[in-house]
Amino acid sequence: MPEIRTEKGEPIDRALRKLKKKLDKEGTLKELRNRRYYEKPSEIKQRRNKRTRS
């Protein structure tokens, strides 16, 4: 579980921005989006091969 430290009186929007940056850095959101639905192993290989060719 990602954790962020905020200063006393820090606006919520700044804390949310910090949290989003941390999640992006860890790749948590990307992984969540990828796991939203089941993808067959052959589809994963095709996607990876397509990415490496480009």
N, C-alpha and C. Protein backbone atom coordinates (compact mmCIF):
# COMPACT_ATOMS: atom_id res chain seq x y z
N MET A 1 0.83 -1.17 0.00
CA MET A 1 0.00 0.00 0.00
C MET A 1 0.88 1.25 0.00
N PRO A 2 0.77 2.08 -1.02
CA PRO A 2 1.59 3.28 -1.06
C PRO A 2 1.20 4.26 0.04
N GLU A 3 2.19 4.92 0.55
CA GLU A 3 1.96 5.87 1.64
C GLU A 3 2.65 7.18 1.30
N ILE A 4 1.97 8.28 1.57
CA ILE A 4 2.58 9.59 1.35
C ILE A 4 2.51 10.38 2.65
N ARG A 5 3.48 11.23 2.83
CA ARG A 5 3.52 12.09 4.01
C ARG A 5 3.06 13.48 3.58
N THR A 6 2.17 14.06 4.37
CA THR A 6 1.71 15.41 4.08
C THR A 6 2.04 16.31 5.25
N GLU A 7 2.21 17.58 4.95
CA GLU A 7 2.48 18.55 5.99
C GLU A 7 1.15 19.04 6.57
N LYS A 8 1.21 19.55 7.75
CA LYS A 8 0.00 20.05 8.39
C LYS A 8 -0.51 21.26 7.60
N GLY A 9 -1.78 21.23 7.27
CA GLY A 9 -2.38 22.32 6.53
C GLY A 9 -2.16 22.25 5.03
N GLU A 10 -1.59 21.16 4.54
CA GLU A 10 -1.35 21.00 3.10
C GLU A 10 -2.68 20.72 2.39
N PRO A 11 -2.92 21.39 1.27
CA PRO A 11 -4.18 21.17 0.55
C PRO A 11 -4.32 19.72 0.06
N ILE A 12 -5.55 19.28 -0.02
CA ILE A 12 -5.85 17.91 -0.44
C ILE A 12 -5.39 17.67 -1.87
N ASP A 13 -5.58 18.66 -2.75
CA ASP A 13 -5.20 18.46 -4.15
C ASP A 13 -3.70 18.22 -4.30
N ARG A 14 -2.89 18.84 -3.47
CA ARG A 14 -1.45 18.61 -3.52
C ARG A 14 -1.11 17.20 -3.04
N ALA A 15 -1.81 16.75 -2.01
CA ALA A 15 -1.59 15.38 -1.50
C ALA A 15 -2.01 14.36 -2.55
N LEU A 16 -3.11 14.60 -3.24
CA LEU A 16 -3.56 13.69 -4.30
C LEU A 16 -2.55 13.65 -5.44
N ARG A 17 -1.99 14.80 -5.78
CA ARG A 17 -0.98 14.86 -6.84
C ARG A 17 0.25 14.04 -6.45
N LYS A 18 0.67 14.14 -5.19
CA LYS A 18 1.80 13.34 -4.70
C LYS A 18 1.49 11.85 -4.81
N LEU A 19 0.26 11.48 -4.42
CA LEU A 19 -0.14 10.08 -4.47
C LEU A 19 -0.14 9.57 -5.91
N LYS A 20 -0.68 10.35 -6.83
CA LYS A 20 -0.71 9.93 -8.23
C LYS A 20 0.69 9.76 -8.80
N LYS A 21 1.60 10.68 -8.45
CA LYS A 21 2.99 10.55 -8.92
C LYS A 21 3.63 9.28 -8.39
N LYS A 22 3.38 8.99 -7.13
CA LYS A 22 3.96 7.79 -6.53
C LYS A 22 3.41 6.52 -7.19
N LEU A 23 2.09 6.50 -7.44
CA LEU A 23 1.48 5.34 -8.09
C LEU A 23 2.02 5.17 -9.51
N ASP A 24 2.21 6.27 -10.23
CA ASP A 24 2.78 6.18 -11.58
C ASP A 24 4.21 5.65 -11.54
N LYS A 25 4.97 6.12 -10.58
CA LYS A 25 6.36 5.69 -10.47
C LYS A 25 6.46 4.19 -10.17
N GLU A 26 5.56 3.70 -9.32
CA GLU A 26 5.57 2.28 -8.96
C GLU A 26 4.93 1.41 -10.03
N GLY A 27 4.14 2.01 -10.92
CA GLY A 27 3.49 1.25 -11.97
C GLY A 27 2.21 0.56 -11.51
N THR A 28 1.69 0.99 -10.38
CA THR A 28 0.50 0.36 -9.81
C THR A 28 -0.72 0.54 -10.69
N LEU A 29 -0.96 1.75 -11.16
CA LEU A 29 -2.13 2.01 -11.99
C LEU A 29 -2.06 1.27 -13.32
N LYS A 30 -0.87 1.21 -13.88
CA LYS A 30 -0.70 0.51 -15.15
C LYS A 30 -1.03 -0.98 -14.99
N GLU A 31 -0.56 -1.55 -13.91
CA GLU A 31 -0.83 -2.96 -13.65
C GLU A 31 -2.32 -3.20 -13.41
N LEU A 32 -2.96 -2.30 -12.69
CA LEU A 32 -4.40 -2.42 -12.45
C LEU A 32 -5.19 -2.41 -13.76
N ARG A 33 -4.82 -1.50 -14.65
CA ARG A 33 -5.51 -1.42 -15.94
C ARG A 33 -5.31 -2.70 -16.75
N ASN A 34 -4.12 -3.25 -16.68
CA ASN A 34 -3.84 -4.48 -17.42
C ASN A 34 -4.60 -5.68 -16.85
N ARG A 35 -4.89 -5.67 -15.58
CA ARG A 35 -5.58 -6.80 -14.94
C ARG A 35 -7.10 -6.63 -14.91
N ARG A 36 -7.60 -5.62 -15.56
CA ARG A 36 -9.03 -5.35 -15.55
C ARG A 36 -9.82 -6.50 -16.16
N TYR A 37 -9.25 -7.15 -17.15
CA TYR A 37 -9.91 -8.28 -17.79
C TYR A 37 -8.85 -9.33 -18.10
N TYR A 38 -9.28 -10.56 -18.29
CA TYR A 38 -8.35 -11.65 -18.56
C TYR A 38 -7.83 -11.56 -19.99
N GLU A 39 -6.55 -11.75 -20.12
CA GLU A 39 -5.91 -11.74 -21.43
C GLU A 39 -5.17 -13.06 -21.59
N LYS A 40 -5.44 -13.73 -22.70
CA LYS A 40 -4.81 -15.02 -22.94
C LYS A 40 -3.30 -14.83 -23.11
N PRO A 41 -2.52 -15.84 -22.73
CA PRO A 41 -1.07 -15.73 -22.87
C PRO A 41 -0.62 -15.44 -24.30
N SER A 42 -1.34 -16.00 -25.28
CA SER A 42 -0.97 -15.73 -26.68
C SER A 42 -1.19 -14.26 -27.03
N GLU A 43 -2.23 -13.64 -26.47
CA GLU A 43 -2.49 -12.22 -26.71
C GLU A 43 -1.41 -11.35 -26.07
N ILE A 44 -0.94 -11.77 -24.90
CA ILE A 44 0.13 -11.03 -24.21
C ILE A 44 1.39 -11.05 -25.07
N LYS A 45 1.73 -12.23 -25.60
CA LYS A 45 2.92 -12.36 -26.45
C LYS A 45 2.79 -11.51 -27.71
N GLN A 46 1.61 -11.51 -28.31
CA GLN A 46 1.40 -10.71 -29.52
C GLN A 46 1.58 -9.22 -29.22
N ARG A 47 1.04 -8.76 -28.09
CA ARG A 47 1.15 -7.35 -27.71
C ARG A 47 2.61 -6.98 -27.46
N ARG A 48 3.34 -7.85 -26.78
CA ARG A 48 4.76 -7.58 -26.50
C ARG A 48 5.58 -7.54 -27.79
N ASN A 49 5.33 -8.51 -28.70
CA ASN A 49 6.05 -8.54 -29.97
C ASN A 49 5.75 -7.30 -30.80
N LYS A 50 4.51 -6.88 -30.79
CA LYS A 50 4.10 -5.69 -31.53
C LYS A 50 4.81 -4.46 -30.99
N ARG A 51 4.94 -4.38 -29.66
CA ARG A 51 5.60 -3.24 -29.01
C ARG A 51 7.10 -3.21 -29.35
N THR A 52 7.74 -4.38 -29.39
CA THR A 52 9.19 -4.42 -29.66
C THR A 52 9.50 -4.12 -31.12
N ARG A 53 8.60 -4.44 -32.01
CA ARG A 53 8.82 -4.16 -33.43
C ARG A 53 8.73 -2.67 -33.73
N SER A 54 7.88 -1.97 -33.03
CA SER A 54 7.66 -0.55 -33.31
C SER A 54 8.78 0.32 -32.82
